[in-house]
Amino acid sequence: MLSEEQKKRVLELAREAIESYFQHKEPKFDDKFLSKKHGVFVTIKLGDQLRGCIGFPEPTYTLGEAIIQASRAAAFNDPRFPELNESELKDIKIEVSVLTEPDEIKVKKPEEYIEKINIGTDGLIAKKGFQAGLLLPQVATEWGWDSKEFLQQTCVKAGLTIDAWKDADTKIFKFQADVFSE
């Protein structure tokens, strides 16, 4: 999706968004490719441990604005972690996932979902009523999950029962991501 040069610029902007927060400044960008709307997730790791991950599954913001907002949210507003300290900046690694637009997976029987998911390529969203959960494509690979377990864990992430993907009123969406890191 993005060239190597564009990926480098996205990572620079993500880091600048976090670093400039401590100086009470706003990062600036004028790169044309950053003006197109995209879904984005920013993951921050400290060593090999997750330190924050926030994003926007839908293309609501321009890529530049989504990177800034998601980077700052992952660093300072992920409810699972304390705010990032300035002293941690030198030790964090930033990963960015630029998403395709989610597509609902249409099936006649829930068991068909298992055949329509490509592990390592597809990310999943489970939605039921007001509840929704998303897992990026790399999560299934990192945990060694098959399609069924990926479906189950996406439902759990949504706060649903593990087998909610079998319910007629649960909608399952898939998307792909261009994933790159520092």
Protein backbone atom coordinates (compact mmCIF):
# COMPACT_ATOMS: atom_id res chain seq x y z
CA MET A 1 0.00 0.00 0.00
CA LEU A 2 2.67 2.54 1.00
CA SER A 3 6.17 2.94 -0.41
CA GLU A 4 9.19 2.43 1.87
CA GLU A 5 9.73 6.21 1.90
CA GLN A 6 6.08 6.81 2.88
CA LYS A 7 6.31 4.20 5.65
CA LYS A 8 9.41 5.91 7.00
CA ARG A 9 7.56 9.25 7.02
CA VAL A 10 4.54 7.72 8.80
CA LEU A 11 6.80 6.30 11.52
CA GLU A 12 8.55 9.66 11.90
CA LEU A 13 5.18 11.39 12.27
CA ALA A 14 4.01 8.83 14.84
CA ARG A 15 7.14 9.36 16.95
CA GLU A 16 6.94 13.15 16.50
CA ALA A 17 3.31 13.07 17.69
CA ILE A 18 4.36 11.38 20.93
CA GLU A 19 7.54 13.40 21.51
CA SER A 20 5.88 16.76 20.75
CA TYR A 21 3.20 16.01 23.35
CA PHE A 22 5.81 16.51 26.07
CA GLN A 23 6.72 19.94 24.61
CA HIS A 24 3.03 20.92 24.30
CA LYS A 25 3.40 21.30 20.53
CA GLU A 26 1.42 20.01 17.59
CA PRO A 27 3.23 18.00 14.90
CA LYS A 28 3.00 19.34 11.37
CA PHE A 29 2.78 17.51 8.08
CA ASP A 30 2.15 18.53 4.50
CA ASP A 31 2.88 15.28 2.67
CA LYS A 32 0.19 14.77 0.04
CA PHE A 33 -0.17 11.01 0.67
CA LEU A 34 -1.09 11.77 4.31
CA SER A 35 -4.23 13.64 3.19
CA LYS A 36 -6.13 10.50 2.09
CA LYS A 37 -8.45 8.93 4.66
CA HIS A 38 -7.42 5.57 6.14
CA GLY A 39 -8.14 3.39 9.11
CA VAL A 40 -5.02 3.19 11.30
CA PHE A 41 -3.72 1.50 14.44
CA VAL A 42 -0.58 2.48 16.31
CA THR A 43 1.05 -0.10 18.58
CA ILE A 44 3.73 0.83 21.09
CA LYS A 45 6.03 -1.81 22.54
CA LEU A 46 8.57 -1.49 25.32
CA GLY A 47 10.99 -4.33 24.73
CA ASP A 48 8.73 -7.16 23.59
CA GLN A 49 5.86 -6.06 25.84
CA LEU A 50 2.77 -4.23 24.61
CA ARG A 51 2.72 -0.67 26.01
CA GLY A 52 -0.28 0.72 24.13
CA CYS A 53 -2.41 0.14 21.05
CA ILE A 54 -5.15 2.43 19.81
CA GLY A 55 -6.60 3.19 16.42
CA PHE A 56 -9.47 3.85 14.10
CA PRO A 57 -10.83 0.90 12.09
CA GLU A 58 -12.80 3.10 9.69
CA PRO A 59 -11.28 5.70 7.34
CA THR A 60 -12.67 8.59 9.41
CA TYR A 61 -9.55 10.79 9.44
CA THR A 62 -6.81 11.60 6.98
CA LEU A 63 -3.81 9.32 7.39
CA GLY A 64 -1.76 12.15 8.91
CA GLU A 65 -4.41 13.10 11.46
CA ALA A 66 -5.16 9.45 12.27
CA ILE A 67 -1.45 8.78 12.90
CA ILE A 68 -1.16 11.76 15.26
CA GLN A 69 -4.34 10.93 17.19
CA ALA A 70 -3.70 7.18 17.39
CA SER A 71 -0.05 7.64 18.40
CA ARG A 72 -0.94 9.98 21.23
CA ALA A 73 -3.87 7.84 22.34
CA ALA A 74 -1.72 4.68 22.37
CA ALA A 75 0.94 6.49 24.41
CA PHE A 76 -1.28 8.38 26.85
CA ASN A 77 -4.86 7.07 26.78
CA ASP A 78 -4.83 3.28 26.46
CA PRO A 79 -6.83 2.33 29.59
CA ARG A 80 -4.81 -0.89 29.99
CA PHE A 81 -1.58 0.99 30.70
CA PRO A 82 -0.29 4.05 32.58
CA GLU A 83 0.67 7.08 30.48
CA LEU A 84 4.00 6.81 28.72
CA ASN A 85 6.79 8.64 30.55
CA GLU A 86 9.20 10.89 28.68
CA SER A 87 12.06 8.73 29.98
CA GLU A 88 10.59 5.73 28.10
CA LEU A 89 10.77 7.42 24.67
CA LYS A 90 14.23 6.11 23.83
CA ASP A 91 13.17 2.51 24.56
CA ILE A 92 9.83 2.27 22.77
CA LYS A 93 9.26 0.76 19.35
CA ILE A 94 6.36 2.03 17.24
CA GLU A 95 4.40 -0.19 14.86
CA VAL A 96 1.80 1.22 12.47
CA SER A 97 -0.99 -0.69 10.74
CA VAL A 98 -2.66 1.14 7.84
CA LEU A 99 -5.98 -0.61 7.24
CA THR A 100 -8.16 -1.33 4.27
CA GLU A 101 -11.84 -0.59 4.71
CA PRO A 102 -13.56 -3.41 6.67
CA ASP A 103 -15.85 -5.69 4.61
CA GLU A 104 -18.61 -7.75 6.16
CA ILE A 105 -18.08 -11.47 5.63
CA LYS A 106 -21.32 -12.86 4.24
CA VAL A 107 -22.14 -16.48 5.09
CA LYS A 108 -25.18 -18.75 5.02
CA LYS A 109 -23.91 -20.79 8.00
CA PRO A 110 -21.48 -19.55 10.69
CA GLU A 111 -19.09 -22.44 10.03
CA GLU A 112 -18.34 -20.83 6.64
CA TYR A 113 -16.49 -17.99 8.43
CA ILE A 114 -13.63 -20.38 9.18
CA GLU A 115 -12.96 -20.93 5.46
CA LYS A 116 -13.18 -17.21 4.59
CA ILE A 117 -10.49 -15.98 6.99
CA ASN A 118 -6.84 -15.89 5.92
CA ILE A 119 -4.60 -16.06 8.98
CA GLY A 120 -1.72 -13.59 8.75
CA THR A 121 -3.55 -11.52 6.12
CA ASP A 122 -6.96 -10.70 7.57
CA GLY A 123 -7.83 -8.75 10.68
CA LEU A 124 -11.28 -9.23 12.22
CA ILE A 125 -14.03 -7.12 13.74
CA ALA A 126 -16.95 -8.69 15.62
CA LYS A 127 -20.06 -6.52 16.14
CA LYS A 128 -23.23 -7.30 18.01
CA GLY A 129 -25.54 -4.50 19.06
CA PHE A 130 -23.39 -1.76 20.61
CA GLN A 131 -20.48 -4.09 21.30
CA ALA A 132 -17.53 -4.40 18.95
CA GLY A 133 -14.02 -5.79 19.09
CA LEU A 134 -11.12 -5.69 16.65
CA LEU A 135 -7.96 -7.77 16.34
CA LEU A 136 -5.25 -6.83 13.85
CA PRO A 137 -4.00 -9.46 11.35
CA GLN A 138 -0.68 -9.92 13.15
CA VAL A 139 -2.38 -10.93 16.43
CA ALA A 140 -3.50 -14.35 15.15
CA THR A 141 -0.01 -15.05 13.84
CA GLU A 142 1.70 -13.90 17.05
CA TRP A 143 -0.52 -16.18 19.15
CA GLY A 144 -0.54 -19.12 16.73
CA TRP A 145 -4.33 -19.10 16.35
CA ASP A 146 -6.31 -20.84 13.63
CA SER A 147 -9.40 -19.21 12.06
CA LYS A 148 -11.83 -20.54 14.67
CA GLU A 149 -9.73 -19.36 17.60
CA PHE A 150 -9.25 -15.98 15.91
CA LEU A 151 -13.03 -15.63 15.59
CA GLN A 152 -13.49 -16.64 19.22
CA GLN A 153 -10.86 -14.21 20.52
CA THR A 154 -12.30 -11.36 18.45
CA CYS A 155 -15.67 -12.00 20.09
CA VAL A 156 -14.04 -12.03 23.53
CA LYS A 157 -12.34 -8.70 22.68
CA ALA A 158 -15.82 -7.32 21.90
CA GLY A 159 -17.04 -8.39 25.34
CA LEU A 160 -19.17 -11.13 23.81
CA THR A 161 -19.28 -14.84 24.55
CA ILE A 162 -16.56 -16.92 22.94
CA ASP A 163 -19.00 -18.45 20.43
CA ALA A 164 -20.96 -15.25 19.64
CA TRP A 165 -19.68 -15.52 16.04
CA LYS A 166 -22.22 -18.32 15.61
CA ASP A 167 -25.15 -15.99 16.47
CA ALA A 168 -27.18 -14.68 13.53
CA ASP A 169 -27.13 -11.13 14.94
CA THR A 170 -23.33 -11.00 15.25
CA LYS A 171 -21.64 -9.47 12.22
CA ILE A 172 -18.06 -10.38 11.33
CA PHE A 173 -15.93 -8.07 9.21
CA LYS A 174 -12.45 -8.57 7.80
CA PHE A 175 -9.80 -6.14 6.65
CA GLN A 176 -6.16 -6.20 5.66
CA ALA A 177 -3.32 -4.05 6.93
CA ASP A 178 0.00 -2.72 5.75
CA VAL A 179 2.03 -3.32 8.94
CA PHE A 180 5.46 -1.80 9.51
CA SER A 181 7.58 -0.71 12.46
CA GLU A 182 10.70 1.12 13.51
